[in-house]
Amino acid sequence: MNKILVLGGYGNFGWRISRAFAKDGIPFVIAGRSEQKALKLADSLQKQYPSAKIETAIFDVNSELEPQLESIKPKVVINTCGPFQTADYSVAETCVKCGVNYIDLADGRDFVNGIKSLDKQAKEAGVLVISGASTVPGLSSAVLEEYKNEFSEIDSLIFGIAPGAKAPRGLATTKAILTYVGKPLKPFAGSQSKVYGWQDLYRQKYPEIGTRWMANCEIPDLDLLPEKYGIKSIRFSAGMESSLLHLSIWLISWLVRLGLPVNLPKHAEFLWKLSNIFDPMGTVDGGMHMLIKGKDKDGNKHERNWFIIGKKNEGPNIPTIPAIIIAKKIITVELNESGAMPCVGMVTLAEYMEELKEFNIKTYLN
């Protein structure tokens, strides 16, 4: 049946994905452990979109997924249950075993890069397994696909994401960041020496929303984009709108780097709640930048500076778009291939922006 099962369907990203399917009348199931949250969202979406085809399923994905797949019989599973930095492939493997297409919003470097290990199993089962169907590498690769033909070679890519302080951030996102704060990142294109998480501070100016602090983060793009587009030097950073919060994390990163016994992931929930204190100091506006430098077809210096800005708390819709688009393509059989792969070059920038047109989100290019 052409039904989509959204794991974590009422979470920070899950509810936005659920809303997209409700709006388009695509049958879907909101899945999670909280019946109250699932039913509350289902009721809200049903009132907003009377023709929506919504079901709920209450279960623990870590222990009850297989019987649920056999009962629900979805065409596609979308997994929003992070953090993926410390996850294994059990959910994806169960989907493959049950003959169900799988998509996740992972941004864990090893997790997304390693999804190719399921390629043979996925092809034998005739299903598609996609990891990283989110801003990185989903949107970042879409931008590179859009402008790559302007370049004969890409010498450097500096890019990053800076969400608004009041934009909702889940505990999973906080845990993900804390796994590498102050720790050495694996080498990547252009890294001449050790690079540490949440260090190498710099200031990035964005259209409309001003300047933000940025610091090193570890994402799958550090491997995937140089491999795909021949990028010689790559750097990705993220930034908090609150300078006090951003610089506090930077100071903590030095404690980890210097070898002090600081277990940040263990205290993720406390730090997540503590970070909310800074929310009143900021806004709900955020952005992403991609600064591409290289040579044009004539060998002359060429660069593209691309920005996407989300205002009025609508920026958090951006990470959900690749999963929504790919799921729709599978349902309509527009995408009918099998195998396991990262979400690189699978969504065009035009498709991305078409899905975002109802939101207060703009792009800038210079």
Foldseek 3Di string as FASTA:
>chain_A
DAEEEEECLLDLQNVLLVLVQQQVQGHYEDEEADPVSRVVSVVVSCVVRVSHHYHYDHDDLVPPVLVVCVVVVHQEYEYADDDPQPDDCVSVVSCLVSLHAYEYQYFHQCRQAVQQVCFVSFQVSQYAAAYNLFCVPQVVLQVCVVCVQQFPAWAEKEKEKEFKLQQDDDLRVLLQLLVFQLHWDDDAAPDPDTFGRLDPWDWDADPPFGIFIWGFDDGNCRHPVCVVGVYRYYTYIYTYRDPVVSVVSNVVSVCVNVPHPDRCSVCSVVVVVVSNVCNVVIFRKIKMWIWIWHAGPVRHTDIKIKMKIAHPSPVSNRGNQSVSVVSVCSSVVVPRGIGYHYNRPPDHPVSSVVSVVVGRMDMDMD
